[in-house]
Each structure stands twice: as structure tokens, then as C-alpha cells.
PDB file of N, CA and C in Angstrom:
ATOM      1  N   MET A   1       0.827  -1.201  -0.141  1.00  0.00           N
ATOM      2  CA  MET A   1       0.044   0.228  -0.055  1.00  0.00           C
ATOM      3  C   MET A   1       1.265   1.341  -0.052  1.00  0.00           C
ATOM      4  N   ASN A   2       0.571   1.959  -0.473  1.00  0.00           N
ATOM      5  CA  ASN A   2       1.265   3.552  -0.947  1.00  0.00           C
ATOM      6  C   ASN A   2       0.984   4.358   0.117  1.00  0.00           C
ATOM      7  N   GLU A   3       1.801   5.163   0.934  1.00  0.00           N
ATOM      8  CA  GLU A   3       1.372   5.940   2.269  1.00  0.00           C
ATOM      9  C   GLU A   3       1.426   7.367   1.334  1.00  0.00           C
ATOM     10  N   ILE A   4       0.677   7.707   1.596  1.00  0.00           N
ATOM     11  CA  ILE A   4       0.382   9.552   1.366  1.00  0.00           C
ATOM     12  C   ILE A   4       0.307  10.382   2.589  1.00  0.00           C
ATOM     13  N   VAL A   5       1.531  11.400   2.170  1.00  0.00           N
ATOM     14  CA  VAL A   5       1.804  12.364   2.458  1.00  0.00           C
ATOM     15  C   VAL A   5       1.776  14.000   2.375  1.00  0.00           C
ATOM     16  N   PHE A   6       1.323  15.152   3.143  1.00  0.00           N
ATOM     17  CA  PHE A   6       1.048  16.106   2.770  1.00  0.00           C
ATOM     18  C   PHE A   6       1.853  17.197   2.563  1.00  0.00           C
ATOM     19  N   PHE A   7       2.170  18.179   2.064  1.00  0.00           N
ATOM     20  CA  PHE A   7       3.564  19.071   2.276  1.00  0.00           C
ATOM     21  C   PHE A   7       3.225  20.010   1.509  1.00  0.00           C
ATOM     22  N   ASN A   8       3.628  21.165   2.061  1.00  0.00           N
ATOM     23  CA  ASN A   8       3.824  22.609   1.303  1.00  0.00           C
ATOM     24  C   ASN A   8       4.435  22.752   0.260  1.00  0.00           C
ATOM     25  N   PRO A   9       4.330  22.765  -1.567  1.00  0.00           N
ATOM     26  CA  PRO A   9       4.859  22.146  -2.377  1.00  0.00           C
ATOM     27  C   PRO A   9       6.305  23.539  -2.174  1.00  0.00           C
ATOM     28  N   GLY A  10       6.053  24.604  -1.604  1.00  0.00           N
ATOM     29  CA  GLY A  10       6.835  26.186  -1.388  1.00  0.00           C
ATOM     30  C   GLY A  10       8.222  25.488  -0.228  1.00  0.00           C
ATOM     31  N   ASP A  11       8.372  24.098   0.375  1.00  0.00           N
ATOM     32  CA  ASP A  11       8.771  23.548   1.128  1.00  0.00           C
ATOM     33  C   ASP A  11      10.144  22.659   0.740  1.00  0.00           C
ATOM     34  N   ALA A  12       9.879  22.587  -0.762  1.00  0.00           N
ATOM     35  CA  ALA A  12      10.683  21.787  -1.105  1.00  0.00           C
ATOM     36  C   ALA A  12      11.943  21.584  -1.318  1.00  0.00           C
ATOM     37  N   ILE A  13      13.095  20.866  -1.039  1.00  0.00           N
ATOM     38  CA  ILE A  13      14.562  21.300  -1.288  1.00  0.00           C
ATOM     39  C   ILE A  13      14.767  21.428  -2.481  1.00  0.00           C
ATOM     40  N   ALA A  14      14.147  20.329  -3.209  1.00  0.00           N
ATOM     41  CA  ALA A  14      14.471  20.347  -4.820  1.00  0.00           C
ATOM     42  C   ALA A  14      13.157  19.461  -5.787  1.00  0.00           C
ATOM     43  N   SER A  15      13.453  19.528  -6.935  1.00  0.00           N
ATOM     44  CA  SER A  15      12.238  18.750  -7.568  1.00  0.00           C
ATOM     45  C   SER A  15      12.545  18.592  -9.108  1.00  0.00           C
ATOM     46  N   GLY A  16      12.151  17.820  -9.614  1.00  0.00           N
ATOM     47  CA  GLY A  16      12.274  17.561 -11.115  1.00  0.00           C
ATOM     48  C   GLY A  16      11.415  16.000 -11.293  1.00  0.00           C
ATOM     49  N   HIS A  17      12.032  16.103 -12.702  1.00  0.00           N
ATOM     50  CA  HIS A  17      10.798  14.941 -13.137  1.00  0.00           C
ATOM     51  C   HIS A  17      11.672  13.617 -13.655  1.00  0.00           C
ATOM     52  N   ASP A  18      12.719  13.689 -12.982  1.00  0.00           N
ATOM     53  CA  ASP A  18      13.846  12.339 -13.285  1.00  0.00           C
ATOM     54  C   ASP A  18      13.866  11.627 -11.439  1.00  0.00           C
ATOM     55  N   PHE A  19      13.908  10.614 -11.298  1.00  0.00           N
ATOM     56  CA  PHE A  19      14.031  10.105 -10.298  1.00  0.00           C
ATOM     57  C   PHE A  19      15.602   9.999  -9.674  1.00  0.00           C
ATOM     58  N   ASN A  20      16.161   9.503 -10.429  1.00  0.00           N
ATOM     59  CA  ASN A  20      17.617   9.323  -9.925  1.00  0.00           C
ATOM     60  C   ASN A  20      18.715  10.763  -9.922  1.00  0.00           C
ATOM     61  N   GLU A  21      18.034  12.222 -10.500  1.00  0.00           N
ATOM     62  CA  GLU A  21      18.327  13.078 -10.506  1.00  0.00           C
ATOM     63  C   GLU A  21      17.893  13.580  -8.539  1.00  0.00           C
ATOM     64  N   ALA A  22      17.077  13.265  -8.580  1.00  0.00           N
ATOM     65  CA  ALA A  22      16.092  13.525  -7.344  1.00  0.00           C
ATOM     66  C   ALA A  22      16.763  12.948  -6.207  1.00  0.00           C
ATOM     67  N   MET A  23      16.681  11.395  -6.689  1.00  0.00           N
ATOM     68  CA  MET A  23      17.761  10.748  -5.711  1.00  0.00           C
ATOM     69  C   MET A  23      19.411  11.332  -5.337  1.00  0.00           C
ATOM     70  N   ARG A  24      19.628  11.656  -6.102  1.00  0.00           N
ATOM     71  CA  ARG A  24      20.706  12.376  -6.261  1.00  0.00           C
ATOM     72  C   ARG A  24      21.371  13.348  -5.253  1.00  0.00           C
ATOM     73  N   SER A  25      20.191  14.416  -5.388  1.00  0.00           N
ATOM     74  CA  SER A  25      20.267  15.629  -5.286  1.00  0.00           C
ATOM     75  C   SER A  25      20.028  15.660  -3.594  1.00  0.00           C
ATOM     76  N   ALA A  26      19.146  14.381  -2.856  1.00  0.00           N
ATOM     77  CA  ALA A  26      18.806  14.350  -1.684  1.00  0.00           C
ATOM     78  C   ALA A  26      19.831  13.683  -1.023  1.00  0.00           C
ATOM     79  N   GLU A  27      20.793  12.603  -1.682  1.00  0.00           N
ATOM     80  CA  GLU A  27      21.626  12.341  -1.389  1.00  0.00           C
ATOM     81  C   GLU A  27      23.218  13.466  -1.283  1.00  0.00           C
ATOM     82  N   ILE A  28      23.447  14.597  -1.962  1.00  0.00           N
ATOM     83  CA  ILE A  28      24.461  15.228  -1.513  1.00  0.00           C
ATOM     84  C   ILE A  28      23.502  16.303  -0.151  1.00  0.00           C
ATOM     85  N   PHE A  29      22.626  16.503  -0.316  1.00  0.00           N
ATOM     86  CA  PHE A  29      21.725  17.853   0.594  1.00  0.00           C
ATOM     87  C   PHE A  29      21.741  17.104   1.877  1.00  0.00           C
ATOM     88  N   HIS A  30      21.360  15.807   1.984  1.00  0.00           N
ATOM     89  CA  HIS A  30      21.312  14.667   3.330  1.00  0.00           C
ATOM     90  C   HIS A  30      23.027  14.467   4.068  1.00  0.00           C
ATOM     91  N   ARG A  31      23.629  14.536   3.258  1.00  0.00           N
ATOM     92  CA  ARG A  31      25.871  14.787   3.112  1.00  0.00           C
ATOM     93  C   ARG A  31      25.940  15.324   4.173  1.00  0.00           C
ATOM     94  N   ASP A  32      25.902  16.191   3.550  1.00  0.00           N
ATOM     95  CA  ASP A  32      26.115  18.037   3.901  1.00  0.00           C
ATOM     96  C   ASP A  32      25.170  18.748   5.035  1.00  0.00           C
ATOM     97  N   GLN A  33      23.984  18.329   4.925  1.00  0.00           N
ATOM     98  CA  GLN A  33      23.317  18.840   5.852  1.00  0.00           C
ATOM     99  C   GLN A  33      22.722  18.018   7.036  1.00  0.00           C
ATOM    100  N   LYS A  34      22.981  16.727   6.890  1.00  0.00           N
ATOM    101  CA  LYS A  34      22.083  15.995   7.914  1.00  0.00           C
ATOM    102  C   LYS A  34      21.259  16.054   9.449  1.00  0.00           C
ATOM    103  N   GLN A  35      20.472  17.195   8.468  1.00  0.00           N
ATOM    104  CA  GLN A  35      19.585  17.312   9.790  1.00  0.00           C
ATOM    105  C   GLN A  35      18.427  16.511  10.356  1.00  0.00           C
ATOM    106  N   ASN A  36      17.182  15.906   9.632  1.00  0.00           N
ATOM    107  CA  ASN A  36      16.178  15.669   9.444  1.00  0.00           C
ATOM    108  C   ASN A  36      16.462  14.458   8.368  1.00  0.00           C
ATOM    109  N   GLU A  37      15.344  13.811   8.880  1.00  0.00           N
ATOM    110  CA  GLU A  37      14.572  12.403   7.249  1.00  0.00           C
ATOM    111  C   GLU A  37      14.783  13.099   6.281  1.00  0.00           C
ATOM    112  N   LEU A  38      14.753  12.735   5.427  1.00  0.00           N
ATOM    113  CA  LEU A  38      14.345  13.431   4.030  1.00  0.00           C
ATOM    114  C   LEU A  38      13.273  12.924   3.521  1.00  0.00           C
ATOM    115  N   MET A  39      12.594  12.649   2.747  1.00  0.00           N
ATOM    116  CA  MET A  39      11.527  12.070   2.112  1.00  0.00           C
ATOM    117  C   MET A  39      11.838  13.007   0.094  1.00  0.00           C
ATOM    118  N   ILE A  40      11.463  11.884  -0.268  1.00  0.00           N
ATOM    119  CA  ILE A  40      11.943  11.503  -1.967  1.00  0.00           C
ATOM    120  C   ILE A  40      10.650  11.156  -2.142  1.00  0.00           C
ATOM    121  N   VAL A  41       9.038  12.064  -2.671  1.00  0.00           N
ATOM    122  CA  VAL A  41       8.005  11.845  -2.830  1.00  0.00           C
ATOM    123  C   VAL A  41       7.333  12.477  -4.638  1.00  0.00           C
ATOM    124  N   LYS A  42       6.290  11.704  -4.888  1.00  0.00           N
ATOM    125  CA  LYS A  42       5.574  11.793  -5.927  1.00  0.00           C
ATOM    126  C   LYS A  42       4.864  12.307  -5.947  1.00  0.00           C
ATOM    127  N   GLU A  43       4.394  13.373  -6.829  1.00  0.00           N
ATOM    128  CA  GLU A  43       2.534  13.747  -7.047  1.00  0.00           C
ATOM    129  C   GLU A  43       1.992  12.872  -7.567  1.00  0.00           C
ATOM    130  N   ILE A  44       1.044  12.452  -6.592  1.00  0.00           N
ATOM    131  CA  ILE A  44      -0.564  12.193  -6.813  1.00  0.00           C
ATOM    132  C   ILE A  44      -0.586  11.998  -8.008  1.00  0.00           C
ATOM    133  N   ASN A  45      -0.979  12.943  -8.690  1.00  0.00           N
ATOM    134  CA  ASN A  45      -1.429  13.142 -10.114  1.00  0.00           C
ATOM    135  C   ASN A  45      -0.658  14.352 -11.056  1.00  0.00           C
ATOM    136  N   GLY A  46       0.798  13.162 -11.153  1.00  0.00           N
ATOM    137  CA  GLY A  46       2.196  14.439 -11.595  1.00  0.00           C
ATOM    138  C   GLY A  46       3.294  13.292 -11.846  1.00  0.00           C
ATOM    139  N   GLU A  47       4.149  13.827 -12.491  1.00  0.00           N
ATOM    140  CA  GLU A  47       5.211  12.950 -12.909  1.00  0.00           C
ATOM    141  C   GLU A  47       6.348  13.580 -11.863  1.00  0.00           C
ATOM    142  N   THR A  48       6.395  14.646 -11.080  1.00  0.00           N
ATOM    143  CA  THR A  48       6.998  15.369 -10.848  1.00  0.00           C
ATOM    144  C   THR A  48       7.769  14.545  -9.248  1.00  0.00           C
ATOM    145  N   TYR A  49       8.668  14.260  -9.221  1.00  0.00           N
ATOM    146  CA  TYR A  49       9.392  14.081  -7.885  1.00  0.00           C
ATOM    147  C   TYR A  49      10.281  15.489  -7.183  1.00  0.00           C
ATOM    148  N   ALA A  50       9.776  15.135  -5.541  1.00  0.00           N
ATOM    149  CA  ALA A  50      10.513  16.609  -4.758  1.00  0.00           C
ATOM    150  C   ALA A  50      11.500  15.797  -3.888  1.00  0.00           C
ATOM    151  N   ILE A  51      11.710  16.662  -2.946  1.00  0.00           N
ATOM    152  CA  ILE A  51      12.313  16.312  -1.679  1.00  0.00           C
ATOM    153  C   ILE A  51      12.132  17.600  -0.650  1.00  0.00           C
ATOM    154  N   PHE A  52      11.297  16.377   0.429  1.00  0.00           N
ATOM    155  CA  PHE A  52      11.353  17.039   1.662  1.00  0.00           C
ATOM    156  C   PHE A  52      12.231  16.933   2.716  1.00  0.00           C
ATOM    157  N   ASN A  53      11.956  17.461   3.661  1.00  0.00           N
ATOM    158  CA  ASN A  53      12.454  17.206   4.959  1.00  0.00           C
ATOM    159  C   ASN A  53      11.294  16.543   5.806  1.00  0.00           C
ATOM    160  N   ALA A  54      11.164  15.126   6.143  1.00  0.00           N
ATOM    161  CA  ALA A  54      10.554  14.971   6.835  1.00  0.00           C
ATOM    162  C   ALA A  54       9.489  15.572   7.877  1.00  0.00           C
ATOM    163  N   ALA A  55      10.346  16.304   8.679  1.00  0.00           N
ATOM    164  CA  ALA A  55       9.477  17.302   9.406  1.00  0.00           C
ATOM    165  C   ALA A  55       8.826  18.417   9.194  1.00  0.00           C
ATOM    166  N   ASP A  56       8.746  18.712   7.842  1.00  0.00           N
ATOM    167  CA  ASP A  56       7.897  19.659   7.572  1.00  0.00           C
ATOM    168  C   ASP A  56       6.414  18.825   6.716  1.00  0.00           C
ATOM    169  N   ALA A  57       5.918  17.474   6.571  1.00  0.00           N
ATOM    170  CA  ALA A  57       5.058  16.956   6.437  1.00  0.00           C
ATOM    171  C   ALA A  57       3.970  18.024   7.178  1.00  0.00           C
ATOM    172  N   LYS A  58       2.575  17.875   6.755  1.00  0.00           N
ATOM    173  CA  LYS A  58       1.631  18.152   7.119  1.00  0.00           C
ATOM    174  C   LYS A  58       0.691  17.109   7.483  1.00  0.00           C
ATOM    175  N   GLN A  59      -0.163  17.586   9.078  1.00  0.00           N
ATOM    176  CA  GLN A  59      -1.598  16.215   9.002  1.00  0.00           C
ATOM    177  C   GLN A  59      -2.194  16.513   8.518  1.00  0.00           C
ATOM    178  N   ASP A  60      -2.867  17.305   7.757  1.00  0.00           N
ATOM    179  CA  ASP A  60      -4.334  17.392   6.541  1.00  0.00           C
ATOM    180  C   ASP A  60      -3.609  18.406   5.152  1.00  0.00           C
ATOM    181  N   ALA A  61      -4.658  18.379   4.614  1.00  0.00           N
ATOM    182  CA  ALA A  61      -4.407  18.826   3.133  1.00  0.00           C
ATOM    183  C   ALA A  61      -4.738  20.383   2.715  1.00  0.00           C
ATOM    184  N   THR A  62      -4.849  20.898   4.273  1.00  0.00           N
ATOM    185  CA  THR A  62      -5.161  22.511   4.323  1.00  0.00           C
ATOM    186  C   THR A  62      -3.873  22.873   3.777  1.00  0.00           C
ATOM    187  N   SER A  63      -3.959  23.942   2.475  1.00  0.00           N
ATOM    188  CA  SER A  63      -2.623  24.167   1.806  1.00  0.00           C
ATOM    189  C   SER A  63      -1.339  23.635   1.772  1.00  0.00           C
ATOM    190  N   ALA A  64      -1.729  22.425   1.411  1.00  0.00           N
ATOM    191  CA  ALA A  64      -0.767  21.113   0.879  1.00  0.00           C
ATOM    192  C   ALA A  64      -1.170  20.398  -0.300  1.00  0.00           C
ATOM    193  N   ASN A  65      -0.169  19.869  -0.408  1.00  0.00           N
ATOM    194  CA  ASN A  65      -0.611  18.907  -1.671  1.00  0.00           C
ATOM    195  C   ASN A  65      -0.249  17.248  -1.294  1.00  0.00           C
ATOM    196  N   ARG A  66      -0.622  16.626  -1.776  1.00  0.00           N
ATOM    197  CA  ARG A  66      -0.651  15.101  -1.679  1.00  0.00           C
ATOM    198  C   ARG A  66       0.648  14.240  -2.087  1.00  0.00           C
ATOM    199  N   TYR A  67       1.637  13.771  -1.559  1.00  0.00           N
ATOM    200  CA  TYR A  67       2.469  12.957  -2.198  1.00  0.00           C
ATOM    201  C   TYR A  67       2.362  11.467  -1.882  1.00  0.00           C
ATOM    202  N   HIS A  68       2.713  10.953  -2.657  1.00  0.00           N
ATOM    203  CA  HIS A  68       3.375   9.438  -2.474  1.00  0.00           C
ATOM    204  C   HIS A  68       5.099   9.104  -2.456  1.00  0.00           C
ATOM    205  N   ILE A  69       5.141   8.747  -1.010  1.00  0.00           N
ATOM    206  CA  ILE A  69       6.509   8.796  -0.459  1.00  0.00           C
ATOM    207  C   ILE A  69       7.411   7.430  -1.603  1.00  0.00           C
ATOM    208  N   SER A  70       8.253   7.644  -2.569  1.00  0.00           N
ATOM    209  CA  SER A  70       8.950   6.959  -3.293  1.00  0.00           C
ATOM    210  C   SER A  70      10.302   6.654  -2.379  1.00  0.00           C
ATOM    211  N   LYS A  71      11.036   7.426  -1.462  1.00  0.00           N
ATOM    212  CA  LYS A  71      11.965   6.783  -0.351  1.00  0.00           C
ATOM    213  C   LYS A  71      12.625   7.598   0.563  1.00  0.00           C
ATOM    214  N   ARG A  72      12.880   6.858   1.271  1.00  0.00           N
ATOM    215  CA  ARG A  72      13.223   7.740   2.600  1.00  0.00           C
ATOM    216  C   ARG A  72      14.594   7.797   2.772  1.00  0.00           C
ATOM    217  N   LEU A  73      15.728   8.710   3.499  1.00  0.00           N
ATOM    218  CA  LEU A  73      16.982   8.979   3.288  1.00  0.00           C
ATOM    219  C   LEU A  73      16.782   9.605   4.851  1.00  0.00           C
TER     220      LEU A  73
END
């Protein structure tokens, strides 16, 4: 089953259409910052992958978009 999370799109660290590119960006950011768990997520009705700090997840859809989790770092 796919886990759905909510994020404000403006909180994205990076985004793009290629998962491998998103993965590289997330690994670099995570190696340099080492703050929180990162999530690579994909838009529910789109092809864009985005990277977010897991701590930025919202509890409801108010002013947030729905995403499927693709990978956690």
C-alpha cells in the first residue's frame, strides 16, 4: 500500500521529473546537512518528484499537496 503524505510545495528542497536526479540531490543535501530524515515523494497526479524534510509533513490537506512516498533517507 502506498503511503500518502502532505507537504506545502514551497517547502521543497528540490524537484524534478527524474527520480535518479532527485535521489542524487537528496543524497548530496543529506550528506551536507544531516538534519532530519528526507523524503523523495511523487505527486499523486503528476510526474514530478520532490525532496522534503520529513519534519515538514502536514497532518491535513489544508494548503498542502498530496504525495506518494518514493524513498526515505
